[in-house]
C-alpha atoms as a PDB file:
ATOM      1  CA  MET A   1     -38.844  26.399  90.295  1.00  0.00           C
ATOM      2  CA  ALA A   2     -39.495  25.878  93.996  1.00  0.00           C
ATOM      3  CA  ASN A   3     -38.345  22.622  95.552  1.00  0.00           C
ATOM      4  CA  SER A   4     -41.110  20.232  96.524  1.00  0.00           C
ATOM      5  CA  LYS A   5     -41.652  16.534  97.012  1.00  0.00           C
ATOM      6  CA  TYR A   6     -43.262  16.444  93.555  1.00  0.00           C
ATOM      7  CA  GLU A   7     -40.249  17.741  91.708  1.00  0.00           C
ATOM      8  CA  TYR A   8     -38.966  14.210  91.122  1.00  0.00           C
ATOM      9  CA  VAL A   9     -41.337  13.958  88.129  1.00  0.00           C
ATOM     10  CA  ARG A  10     -38.841  16.049  86.143  1.00  0.00           C
ATOM     11  CA  THR A  11     -36.594  12.997  86.006  1.00  0.00           C
ATOM     12  CA  PHE A  12     -39.027  11.476  83.490  1.00  0.00           C
ATOM     13  CA  GLU A  13     -38.352  14.241  80.964  1.00  0.00           C
ATOM     14  CA  ARG A  14     -36.057  13.407  78.079  1.00  0.00           C
ATOM     15  CA  ASP A  15     -34.625  15.729  75.450  1.00  0.00           C
ATOM     16  CA  GLU A  16     -33.622  14.482  72.018  1.00  0.00           C
ATOM     17  CA  LEU A  17     -30.517  16.421  71.020  1.00  0.00           C
ATOM     18  CA  LEU A  18     -30.048  16.566  67.271  1.00  0.00           C
ATOM     19  CA  LEU A  19     -26.748  15.486  65.753  1.00  0.00           C
ATOM     20  CA  PRO A  20     -24.094  18.225  65.880  1.00  0.00           C
ATOM     21  CA  ASN A  21     -22.566  19.698  62.735  1.00  0.00           C
ATOM     22  CA  THR A  22     -25.556  18.722  60.572  1.00  0.00           C
ATOM     23  CA  TRP A  23     -27.946  20.884  58.580  1.00  0.00           C
ATOM     24  CA  LEU A  24     -31.347  20.939  60.255  1.00  0.00           C
ATOM     25  CA  VAL A  25     -34.513  21.143  58.188  1.00  0.00           C
ATOM     26  CA  VAL A  26     -37.821  21.705  59.950  1.00  0.00           C
ATOM     27  CA  ARG A  27     -40.638  20.947  57.503  1.00  0.00           C
ATOM     28  CA  ILE A  28     -44.166  22.014  58.330  1.00  0.00           C
ATOM     29  CA  ASP A  29     -47.273  20.693  56.561  1.00  0.00           C
ATOM     30  CA  GLY A  30     -50.858  21.873  56.650  1.00  0.00           C
ATOM     31  CA  ARG A  31     -53.139  19.469  58.511  1.00  0.00           C
ATOM     32  CA  GLY A  32     -56.384  18.767  56.716  1.00  0.00           C
ATOM     33  CA  PHE A  33     -55.742  21.202  53.835  1.00  0.00           C
ATOM     34  CA  HIS A  34     -56.137  18.437  51.270  1.00  0.00           C
ATOM     35  CA  LYS A  35     -56.253  15.340  53.454  1.00  0.00           C
ATOM     36  CA  TYR A  36     -59.098  12.909  53.737  1.00  0.00           C
ATOM     37  CA  ALA A  37     -61.800  12.567  56.361  1.00  0.00           C
ATOM     38  CA  ASP A  38     -62.172   9.117  57.864  1.00  0.00           C
ATOM     39  CA  CYS A  39     -65.940   8.844  57.686  1.00  0.00           C
ATOM     40  CA  LEU A  40     -66.467   8.320  53.939  1.00  0.00           C
ATOM     41  CA  PRO A  41     -67.115   4.849  52.488  1.00  0.00           C
ATOM     42  CA  ARG A  42     -64.021   3.133  51.148  1.00  0.00           C
ATOM     43  CA  SER A  43     -66.087   1.543  48.365  1.00  0.00           C
ATOM     44  CA  MET A  44     -66.047   4.874  46.477  1.00  0.00           C
ATOM     45  CA  ASN A  45     -63.588   5.287  43.614  1.00  0.00           C
ATOM     46  CA  ALA A  46     -60.301   7.005  44.433  1.00  0.00           C
ATOM     47  CA  ALA A  47     -60.911  10.231  42.530  1.00  0.00           C
ATOM     48  CA  ASP A  48     -64.358  11.023  43.974  1.00  0.00           C
ATOM     49  CA  LEU A  49     -63.193   9.938  47.411  1.00  0.00           C
ATOM     50  CA  ALA A  50     -60.265  12.335  47.255  1.00  0.00           C
ATOM     51  CA  PHE A  51     -62.364  15.293  46.267  1.00  0.00           C
ATOM     52  CA  LEU A  52     -65.172  14.613  48.742  1.00  0.00           C
ATOM     53  CA  ARG A  53     -62.625  14.195  51.500  1.00  0.00           C
ATOM     54  CA  SER A  54     -60.687  17.380  50.872  1.00  0.00           C
ATOM     55  CA  ARG A  55     -61.274  19.709  53.762  1.00  0.00           C
ATOM     56  CA  LEU A  56     -59.836  23.123  54.552  1.00  0.00           C
ATOM     57  CA  SER A  57     -59.122  24.240  50.975  1.00  0.00           C
ATOM     58  CA  ASP A  58     -62.700  23.472  49.920  1.00  0.00           C
ATOM     59  CA  HIS A  59     -64.234  24.887  53.090  1.00  0.00           C
ATOM     60  CA  TYR A  60     -62.671  28.267  52.381  1.00  0.00           C
ATOM     61  CA  GLY A  61     -63.145  28.099  48.633  1.00  0.00           C
ATOM     62  CA  PHE A  62     -59.524  28.047  47.515  1.00  0.00           C
ATOM     63  CA  GLU A  63     -59.201  28.371  43.763  1.00  0.00           C
ATOM     64  CA  LYS A  64     -58.004  25.306  41.848  1.00  0.00           C
ATOM     65  CA  PRO A  65     -55.376  24.369  40.861  1.00  0.00           C
ATOM     66  CA  ASN A  66     -53.604  27.294  42.603  1.00  0.00           C
ATOM     67  CA  ASP A  67     -54.931  30.069  44.793  1.00  0.00           C
ATOM     68  CA  VAL A  68     -52.562  33.044  44.677  1.00  0.00           C
ATOM     69  CA  ARG A  69     -53.982  34.435  47.918  1.00  0.00           C
ATOM     70  CA  ALA A  70     -53.414  31.193  49.810  1.00  0.00           C
ATOM     71  CA  LEU A  71     -49.860  30.851  48.476  1.00  0.00           C
ATOM     72  CA  ASN A  72     -49.081  34.469  49.343  1.00  0.00           C
ATOM     73  CA  LEU A  73     -50.375  33.830  52.854  1.00  0.00           C
ATOM     74  CA  MET A  74     -48.001  30.876  53.213  1.00  0.00           C
ATOM     75  CA  ASN A  75     -45.157  33.125  52.060  1.00  0.00           C
ATOM     76  CA  LEU A  76     -46.106  35.895  54.493  1.00  0.00           C
ATOM     77  CA  ALA A  77     -46.198  33.450  57.406  1.00  0.00           C
ATOM     78  CA  ALA A  78     -42.873  31.884  56.394  1.00  0.00           C
ATOM     79  CA  THR A  79     -41.287  35.332  56.054  1.00  0.00           C
ATOM     80  CA  HIS A  80     -42.382  36.096  59.611  1.00  0.00           C
ATOM     81  CA  VAL A  81     -40.726  32.873  60.820  1.00  0.00           C
ATOM     82  CA  VAL A  82     -37.440  33.618  59.019  1.00  0.00           C
ATOM     83  CA  THR A  83     -37.459  37.207  60.300  1.00  0.00           C
ATOM     84  CA  SER A  84     -38.213  36.098  63.866  1.00  0.00           C
ATOM     85  CA  ILE A  85     -35.583  33.349  63.960  1.00  0.00           C
ATOM     86  CA  PRO A  86     -32.258  34.678  62.596  1.00  0.00           C
ATOM     87  CA  GLU A  87     -30.704  31.215  62.805  1.00  0.00           C
ATOM     88  CA  ILE A  88     -32.777  30.135  59.803  1.00  0.00           C
ATOM     89  CA  VAL A  89     -30.712  30.666  56.648  1.00  0.00           C
ATOM     90  CA  LEU A  90     -33.328  29.742  54.044  1.00  0.00           C
ATOM     91  CA  ALA A  91     -36.900  28.538  53.627  1.00  0.00           C
ATOM     92  CA  TYR A  92     -38.539  26.828  50.667  1.00  0.00           C
ATOM     93  CA  GLY A  93     -42.281  26.401  50.258  1.00  0.00           C
ATOM     94  CA  VAL A  94     -44.853  24.924  47.911  1.00  0.00           C
ATOM     95  CA  SER A  95     -48.591  24.380  48.355  1.00  0.00           C
ATOM     96  CA  ASP A  96     -49.262  23.876  52.096  1.00  0.00           C
ATOM     97  CA  GLU A  97     -45.722  22.928  53.130  1.00  0.00           C
ATOM     98  CA  TYR A  98     -42.590  24.867  54.039  1.00  0.00           C
ATOM     99  CA  SER A  99     -39.030  23.752  54.828  1.00  0.00           C
ATOM    100  CA  PHE A 100     -36.923  25.898  57.148  1.00  0.00           C
ATOM    101  CA  VAL A 101     -33.158  25.369  57.013  1.00  0.00           C
ATOM    102  CA  PHE A 102     -30.932  25.940  60.056  1.00  0.00           C
ATOM    103  CA  HIS A 103     -27.188  26.234  59.470  1.00  0.00           C
ATOM    104  CA  LYS A 104     -25.172  23.229  60.599  1.00  0.00           C
ATOM    105  CA  SER A 105     -23.383  25.384  63.192  1.00  0.00           C
ATOM    106  CA  THR A 106     -26.546  26.483  64.963  1.00  0.00           C
ATOM    107  CA  ASN A 107     -26.885  25.748  68.655  1.00  0.00           C
ATOM    108  CA  LEU A 108     -30.324  27.269  69.066  1.00  0.00           C
ATOM    109  CA  PHE A 109     -32.143  25.644  72.017  1.00  0.00           C
ATOM    110  CA  GLU A 110     -29.045  23.465  72.347  1.00  0.00           C
ATOM    111  CA  ARG A 111     -30.350  21.663  69.231  1.00  0.00           C
ATOM    112  CA  ARG A 112     -33.274  20.138  71.137  1.00  0.00           C
ATOM    113  CA  ASN A 113     -35.664  18.513  68.696  1.00  0.00           C
ATOM    114  CA  ALA A 114     -38.930  19.368  70.449  1.00  0.00           C
ATOM    115  CA  LYS A 115     -38.009  23.009  71.086  1.00  0.00           C
ATOM    116  CA  LEU A 116     -36.932  23.652  67.492  1.00  0.00           C
ATOM    117  CA  VAL A 117     -39.958  21.996  65.891  1.00  0.00           C
ATOM    118  CA  SER A 118     -42.528  23.424  68.296  1.00  0.00           C
ATOM    119  CA  THR A 119     -41.112  26.942  67.968  1.00  0.00           C
ATOM    120  CA  VAL A 120     -41.164  26.890  64.159  1.00  0.00           C
ATOM    121  CA  VAL A 121     -44.616  25.293  63.929  1.00  0.00           C
ATOM    122  CA  SER A 122     -46.243  27.550  66.527  1.00  0.00           C
ATOM    123  CA  THR A 123     -44.662  30.717  65.090  1.00  0.00           C
ATOM    124  CA  PHE A 124     -45.770  29.795  61.576  1.00  0.00           C
ATOM    125  CA  THR A 125     -49.309  28.861  62.633  1.00  0.00           C
ATOM    126  CA  ALA A 126     -49.756  32.021  64.685  1.00  0.00           C
ATOM    127  CA  ALA A 127     -48.574  34.173  61.776  1.00  0.00           C
ATOM    128  CA  TYR A 128     -50.770  32.277  59.285  1.00  0.00           C
ATOM    129  CA  VAL A 129     -53.899  32.851  61.365  1.00  0.00           C
ATOM    130  CA  ALA A 130     -53.041  36.469  62.204  1.00  0.00           C
ATOM    131  CA  LEU A 131     -52.277  37.345  58.573  1.00  0.00           C
ATOM    132  CA  TRP A 132     -55.306  35.550  57.104  1.00  0.00           C
ATOM    133  CA  PRO A 133     -57.372  38.785  56.815  1.00  0.00           C
ATOM    134  CA  THR A 134     -54.462  40.412  54.971  1.00  0.00           C
ATOM    135  CA  ALA A 135     -54.502  37.721  52.297  1.00  0.00           C
ATOM    136  CA  PHE A 136     -58.268  37.280  52.121  1.00  0.00           C
ATOM    137  CA  GLN A 137     -59.299  40.865  52.724  1.00  0.00           C
ATOM    138  CA  SER A 138     -62.711  42.160  51.770  1.00  0.00           C
ATOM    139  CA  GLY A 139     -63.017  43.709  48.356  1.00  0.00           C
ATOM    140  CA  SER A 140     -62.812  42.720  44.724  1.00  0.00           C
ATOM    141  CA  ALA A 141     -60.368  39.897  45.401  1.00  0.00           C
ATOM    142  CA  TRP A 142     -63.084  37.721  46.908  1.00  0.00           C
ATOM    143  CA  GLU A 143     -66.464  39.295  46.223  1.00  0.00           C
ATOM    144  CA  ASP A 144     -67.181  36.452  43.804  1.00  0.00           C
ATOM    145  CA  GLY A 145     -67.565  34.236  46.863  1.00  0.00           C
ATOM    146  CA  THR A 146     -64.600  31.985  46.063  1.00  0.00           C
ATOM    147  CA  ALA A 147     -62.944  32.520  49.437  1.00  0.00           C
ATOM    148  CA  ARG A 148     -63.936  33.485  52.939  1.00  0.00           C
ATOM    149  CA  ALA A 149     -62.246  36.444  54.591  1.00  0.00           C
ATOM    150  CA  SER A 150     -62.800  35.229  58.158  1.00  0.00           C
ATOM    151  CA  LEU A 151     -61.867  31.970  59.829  1.00  0.00           C
ATOM    152  CA  ASP A 152     -64.315  29.494  61.343  1.00  0.00           C
ATOM    153  CA  VAL A 153     -63.423  28.098  64.758  1.00  0.00           C
ATOM    154  CA  ALA A 154     -64.648  24.703  63.562  1.00  0.00           C
ATOM    155  CA  MET A 155     -62.153  24.758  60.669  1.00  0.00           C
ATOM    156  CA  LEU A 156     -59.009  26.506  61.877  1.00  0.00           C
ATOM    157  CA  PRO A 157     -55.800  25.972  59.873  1.00  0.00           C
ATOM    158  CA  THR A 158     -53.195  23.977  61.785  1.00  0.00           C
ATOM    159  CA  PHE A 159     -49.774  22.598  60.889  1.00  0.00           C
ATOM    160  CA  ASP A 160     -47.584  19.726  61.991  1.00  0.00           C
ATOM    161  CA  GLY A 161     -43.819  19.508  61.720  1.00  0.00           C
ATOM    162  CA  ARG A 162     -40.737  17.343  61.898  1.00  0.00           C
ATOM    163  CA  VAL A 163     -36.999  17.898  61.775  1.00  0.00           C
ATOM    164  CA  VAL A 164     -34.416  16.000  59.734  1.00  0.00           C
ATOM    165  CA  CYS A 165     -30.622  16.189  60.031  1.00  0.00           C
ATOM    166  CA  TYR A 166     -28.625  16.299  56.792  1.00  0.00           C
ATOM    167  CA  PRO A 167     -24.914  15.556  57.279  1.00  0.00           C
ATOM    168  CA  SER A 168     -23.536  17.354  54.211  1.00  0.00           C
ATOM    169  CA  TRP A 169     -24.156  20.381  52.011  1.00  0.00           C
ATOM    170  CA  GLU A 170     -24.744  18.032  49.095  1.00  0.00           C
ATOM    171  CA  ASN A 171     -27.445  16.196  51.054  1.00  0.00           C
ATOM    172  CA  LEU A 172     -29.162  19.489  51.835  1.00  0.00           C
ATOM    173  CA  ARG A 173     -29.001  20.590  48.192  1.00  0.00           C
ATOM    174  CA  ASP A 174     -30.489  17.249  47.113  1.00  0.00           C
ATOM    175  CA  TYR A 175     -33.306  17.625  49.638  1.00  0.00           C
ATOM    176  CA  LEU A 176     -34.230  21.085  48.342  1.00  0.00           C
ATOM    177  CA  SER A 177     -33.944  19.882  44.745  1.00  0.00           C
ATOM    178  CA  TRP A 178     -36.296  17.024  45.591  1.00  0.00           C
ATOM    179  CA  ARG A 179     -38.889  19.447  46.942  1.00  0.00           C
ATOM    180  CA  GLN A 180     -38.641  21.693  43.859  1.00  0.00           C
ATOM    181  CA  VAL A 181     -38.897  18.741  41.470  1.00  0.00           C
ATOM    182  CA  ASP A 182     -41.988  17.610  43.380  1.00  0.00           C
ATOM    183  CA  CYS A 183     -43.394  21.119  43.002  1.00  0.00           C
ATOM    184  CA  HIS A 184     -43.050  20.920  39.218  1.00  0.00           C
ATOM    185  CA  ILE A 185     -44.444  17.379  38.921  1.00  0.00           C
ATOM    186  CA  ASN A 186     -47.456  18.050  41.148  1.00  0.00           C
ATOM    187  CA  ASN A 187     -48.252  21.422  39.625  1.00  0.00           C
ATOM    188  CA  LEU A 188     -48.095  20.129  36.055  1.00  0.00           C
ATOM    189  CA  TYR A 189     -50.465  17.297  36.964  1.00  0.00           C
ATOM    190  CA  ASN A 190     -52.857  19.592  38.861  1.00  0.00           C
ATOM    191  CA  THR A 191     -52.839  22.199  36.086  1.00  0.00           C
ATOM    192  CA  THR A 192     -53.714  19.554  33.497  1.00  0.00           C
ATOM    193  CA  PHE A 193     -56.245  17.812  35.719  1.00  0.00           C
ATOM    194  CA  TRP A 194     -58.178  20.971  36.517  1.00  0.00           C
ATOM    195  CA  ALA A 195     -58.079  22.140  32.904  1.00  0.00           C
ATOM    196  CA  LEU A 196     -59.767  18.868  31.916  1.00  0.00           C
ATOM    197  CA  VAL A 197     -62.378  19.323  34.656  1.00  0.00           C
ATOM    198  CA  GLN A 198     -63.008  23.068  34.445  1.00  0.00           C
ATOM    199  CA  LYS A 199     -62.567  23.608  30.707  1.00  0.00           C
ATOM    200  CA  GLY A 200     -62.892  20.131  29.244  1.00  0.00           C
ATOM    201  CA  GLY A 201     -66.102  19.148  31.006  1.00  0.00           C
ATOM    202  CA  MET A 202     -64.694  15.939  32.471  1.00  0.00           C
ATOM    203  CA  SER A 203     -65.610  14.542  35.852  1.00  0.00           C
ATOM    204  CA  HIS A 204     -62.901  14.003  38.448  1.00  0.00           C
ATOM    205  CA  THR A 205     -62.890  10.283  37.698  1.00  0.00           C
ATOM    206  CA  GLN A 206     -62.692  10.804  33.944  1.00  0.00           C
ATOM    207  CA  ALA A 207     -59.810  13.271  34.267  1.00  0.00           C
ATOM    208  CA  GLU A 208     -57.896  10.929  36.550  1.00  0.00           C
ATOM    209  CA  GLU A 209     -58.366   7.990  34.174  1.00  0.00           C
ATOM    210  CA  PHE A 210     -57.439  10.144  31.181  1.00  0.00           C
ATOM    211  CA  LEU A 211     -54.124  11.151  32.779  1.00  0.00           C
ATOM    212  CA  LYS A 212     -53.089   7.680  33.908  1.00  0.00           C
ATOM    213  CA  GLY A 213     -49.774   6.690  32.343  1.00  0.00           C
ATOM    214  CA  THR A 214     -49.048  10.151  30.926  1.00  0.00           C
ATOM    215  CA  VAL A 215     -45.618  11.757  31.213  1.00  0.00           C
ATOM    216  CA  SER A 216     -44.687  15.441  31.346  1.00  0.00           C
ATOM    217  CA  ALA A 217     -44.558  15.783  27.544  1.00  0.00           C
ATOM    218  CA  ASP A 218     -48.047  14.330  27.271  1.00  0.00           C
ATOM    219  CA  LYS A 219     -49.461  16.758  29.808  1.00  0.00           C
ATOM    220  CA  ASN A 220     -47.812  19.723  28.113  1.00  0.00           C
ATOM    221  CA  GLU A 221     -49.329  18.601  24.804  1.00  0.00           C
ATOM    222  CA  ILE A 222     -52.787  18.216  26.356  1.00  0.00           C
ATOM    223  CA  LEU A 223     -52.635  21.710  27.834  1.00  0.00           C
ATOM    224  CA  TRP A 224     -51.513  23.275  24.550  1.00  0.00           C
ATOM    225  CA  SER A 225     -53.540  21.331  21.997  1.00  0.00           C
ATOM    226  CA  ARG A 226     -56.816  21.255  23.938  1.00  0.00           C
ATOM    227  CA  PHE A 227     -56.766  24.513  25.883  1.00  0.00           C
ATOM    228  CA  GLY A 228     -54.088  26.713  24.348  1.00  0.00           C
ATOM    229  CA  ILE A 229     -52.163  26.772  27.628  1.00  0.00           C
ATOM    230  CA  ASN A 230     -48.374  27.031  27.457  1.00  0.00           C
ATOM    231  CA  TYR A 231     -47.257  25.573  30.774  1.00  0.00           C
ATOM    232  CA  ASN A 232     -43.979  27.506  30.627  1.00  0.00           C
ATOM    233  CA  ASN A 233     -46.000  30.719  30.843  1.00  0.00           C
ATOM    234  CA  GLU A 234     -47.609  29.735  34.130  1.00  0.00           C
ATOM    235  CA  PRO A 235     -46.467  31.911  37.081  1.00  0.00           C
ATOM    236  CA  ASP A 236     -43.048  30.990  38.487  1.00  0.00           C
ATOM    237  CA  MET A 237     -44.536  30.689  41.975  1.00  0.00           C
ATOM    238  CA  PHE A 238     -46.728  27.822  40.760  1.00  0.00           C
ATOM    239  CA  ARG A 239     -43.976  26.023  38.817  1.00  0.00           C
ATOM    240  CA  LYS A 240     -40.949  26.639  41.066  1.00  0.00           C
ATOM    241  CA  GLY A 241     -42.296  27.331  44.533  1.00  0.00           C
ATOM    242  CA  SER A 242     -41.058  30.097  46.840  1.00  0.00           C
ATOM    243  CA  VAL A 243     -37.588  30.656  48.299  1.00  0.00           C
ATOM    244  CA  ILE A 244     -37.132  32.963  51.291  1.00  0.00           C
ATOM    245  CA  TYR A 245     -33.739  34.194  52.465  1.00  0.00           C
ATOM    246  CA  ARG A 246     -31.837  37.254  53.640  1.00  0.00           C
ATOM    247  CA  GLU A 247     -30.668  39.450  50.825  1.00  0.00           C
ATOM    248  CA  TYR A 248     -27.091  40.693  50.622  1.00  0.00           C
ATOM    249  CA  ALA A 249     -24.988  41.891  47.698  1.00  0.00           C
ATOM    250  CA  LEU A 250     -24.788  39.159  45.068  1.00  0.00           C
ATOM    251  CA  GLU A 251     -21.353  37.792  44.302  1.00  0.00           C
ATOM    252  CA  THR A 252     -20.013  37.084  40.834  1.00  0.00           C
ATOM    253  CA  THR A 253     -19.152  33.578  39.739  1.00  0.00           C
ATOM    254  CA  ALA A 254     -15.464  34.514  39.458  1.00  0.00           C
ATOM    255  CA  THR A 255     -15.296  35.918  42.997  1.00  0.00           C
ATOM    256  CA  ARG A 256     -16.970  32.877  44.464  1.00  0.00           C
ATOM    257  CA  ALA A 257     -14.746  30.511  42.482  1.00  0.00           C
ATOM    258  CA  GLU A 258     -11.657  32.124  44.025  1.00  0.00           C
ATOM    259  CA  GLN A 259     -13.111  31.787  47.527  1.00  0.00           C
ATOM    260  CA  GLU A 260     -13.991  28.137  46.985  1.00  0.00           C
ATOM    261  CA  ALA A 261     -10.485  27.446  45.693  1.00  0.00           C
ATOM    262  CA  GLU A 262      -9.062  28.892  48.919  1.00  0.00           C
ATOM    263  CA  GLU A 263     -11.476  26.812  51.014  1.00  0.00           C
ATOM    264  CA  VAL A 264     -10.519  23.622  49.170  1.00  0.00           C
ATOM    265  CA  ASP A 265      -6.819  24.408  49.583  1.00  0.00           C
ATOM    266  CA  GLU A 266      -7.223  24.998  53.321  1.00  0.00           C
ATOM    267  CA  ALA A 267      -9.241  21.806  53.703  1.00  0.00           C
ATOM    268  CA  TRP A 268      -6.569  19.838  51.796  1.00  0.00           C
ATOM    269  CA  ARG A 269      -3.907  21.221  54.148  1.00  0.00           C
ATOM    270  CA  GLY A 270      -6.029  20.287  57.147  1.00  0.00           C
ATOM    271  CA  ILE A 271      -6.716  23.851  58.199  1.00  0.00           C
ATOM    272  CA  GLU A 272      -9.996  24.039  60.098  1.00  0.00           C
ATOM    273  CA  PRO A 273     -11.919  27.326  60.132  1.00  0.00           C
ATOM    274  CA  PRO A 274     -11.570  29.044  63.516  1.00  0.00           C
ATOM    275  CA  PRO A 275     -14.538  28.487  65.856  1.00  0.00           C
ATOM    276  CA  VAL A 276     -16.962  31.383  66.202  1.00  0.00           C
ATOM    277  CA  SER A 277     -16.960  32.923  69.660  1.00  0.00           C
ATOM    278  CA  LYS A 278     -20.194  33.758  71.474  1.00  0.00           C
ATOM    279  CA  THR A 279     -19.513  37.451  70.920  1.00  0.00           C
ATOM    280  CA  GLN A 280     -19.017  36.951  67.186  1.00  0.00           C
ATOM    281  CA  ALA A 281     -22.095  34.741  66.973  1.00  0.00           C
ATOM    282  CA  GLU A 282     -24.238  37.359  68.667  1.00  0.00           C
ATOM    283  CA  LYS A 283     -22.841  40.074  66.394  1.00  0.00           C
ATOM    284  CA  MET A 284     -23.691  38.029  63.290  1.00  0.00           C
ATOM    285  CA  ARG A 285     -27.151  37.339  64.699  1.00  0.00           C
ATOM    286  CA  LYS A 286     -27.821  41.063  65.043  1.00  0.00           C
ATOM    287  CA  ILE A 287     -26.596  41.690  61.489  1.00  0.00           C
ATOM    288  CA  ARG A 288     -28.905  38.977  60.192  1.00  0.00           C
ATOM    289  CA  GLN A 289     -31.811  40.526  62.072  1.00  0.00           C
ATOM    290  CA  LYS A 290     -31.263  43.805  60.219  1.00  0.00           C
ATOM    291  CA  ALA A 291     -30.973  42.201  56.768  1.00  0.00           C
ATOM    292  CA  LYS A 292     -33.907  42.366  54.370  1.00  0.00           C
ATOM    293  CA  VAL A 293     -35.817  39.094  54.024  1.00  0.00           C
ATOM    294  CA  VAL A 294     -36.954  38.487  50.439  1.00  0.00           C
ATOM    295  CA  THR A 295     -39.144  35.977  48.617  1.00  0.00           C
ATOM    296  CA  ARG A 296     -38.148  34.736  45.171  1.00  0.00           C
ATOM    297  CA  HIS A 297     -39.516  32.141  42.748  1.00  0.00           C
ATOM    298  CA  VAL A 298     -36.349  30.821  41.144  1.00  0.00           C
ATOM    299  CA  ASP A 299     -34.480  27.664  40.204  1.00  0.00           C
ATOM    300  CA  ILE A 300     -32.616  26.289  43.221  1.00  0.00           C
ATOM    301  CA  ILE A 301     -31.540  23.054  41.542  1.00  0.00           C
ATOM    302  CA  ARG A 302     -28.828  24.611  39.403  1.00  0.00           C
ATOM    303  CA  ASP A 303     -25.653  25.980  41.012  1.00  0.00           C
ATOM    304  CA  GLU A 304     -26.113  29.619  39.996  1.00  0.00           C
ATOM    305  CA  PHE A 305     -28.479  30.491  42.864  1.00  0.00           C
ATOM    306  CA  TRP A 306     -26.059  29.151  45.471  1.00  0.00           C
ATOM    307  CA  VAL A 307     -22.875  30.519  43.871  1.00  0.00           C
ATOM    308  CA  GLN A 308     -24.281  34.051  43.961  1.00  0.00           C
ATOM    309  CA  ARG A 309     -25.407  33.677  47.589  1.00  0.00           C
ATOM    310  CA  PRO A 310     -22.502  32.062  49.456  1.00  0.00           C
ATOM    311  CA  TRP A 311     -23.729  33.415  52.801  1.00  0.00           C
ATOM    312  CA  ILE A 312     -26.380  30.682  52.873  1.00  0.00           C
ATOM    313  CA  LYS A 313     -23.736  27.956  52.968  1.00  0.00           C
ATOM    314  CA  SER A 314     -21.225  29.836  55.146  1.00  0.00           C
ATOM    315  CA  GLY A 315     -23.801  31.054  57.653  1.00  0.00           C
ATOM    316  CA  LYS A 316     -21.987  34.384  57.788  1.00  0.00           C
ATOM    317  CA  PRO A 317     -23.791  37.582  56.758  1.00  0.00           C
ATOM    318  CA  GLY A 318     -22.818  38.938  53.353  1.00  0.00           C
ATOM    319  CA  LYS A 319     -22.150  42.480  52.232  1.00  0.00           C
ATOM    320  CA  PRO A 320     -25.038  44.954  52.354  1.00  0.00           C
ATOM    321  CA  PRO A 321     -26.636  45.403  48.903  1.00  0.00           C
ATOM    322  CA  GLU A 322     -25.699  48.609  47.128  1.00  0.00           C
END
């Protein structure tokens, strides 16, 4: 940048550097997908207000309670983000939100808050818009008029984002478990609610009132006894969300147990893992770029997922799959 008398304005800029040695989670959320407009009268009851105020999902005719095309589009956009940014070790998504996890050792953008969030959000939004025709392509998938294959400038999908630092692996696991539990709770409610509306002939208000005070067992019973729906047979993507990560050869529980025992022993003896040099970091980055990025709909609350995929915690690429 050329020197000038106006350059002093740069002194007003401030960067927020995120805490070192913490797991970074950038969570993006769709803006206006299900949120409320501000112009409707507040005297209306909550249920009708919510449904009249819903915006983007209704504008484009998303199917309720879940639109496979819309969820697949979210997954495609998130896969593009993970592929484009090798420092991301895992992403988890449900509905119109996605969480992108950076390893605690990352120094991408010198851990500047604004750069990390803006890069993830802009990359995701660009991919979402560019891939929209792929998800909502012309043909039998949408000839019934339930979704539009082209975007309206007046109703473009946008996303906001924030970043949170988690100081320990346990904190990160709890965060991801929280998101998956929320996925289950919300999907069970929505599945029951829309069954009452679409198949039971109830209004939105009646369905909301009917479900007040019910627990999971009650909702499962309503689905089965009234509509013959076994919630456990609903697609895993609806019930568990989507997990995106780089695929390497899975490790057995026994192998991982031995490695963890060695790590615990070294930690007890005060042996710190050697720092990764810039050359090593760049080499690992290139390996990650070549790895296959996959999307799965699995349980990430139990330990099995993480035990078989130790490279997520270590940040080091695993062995190529056979």
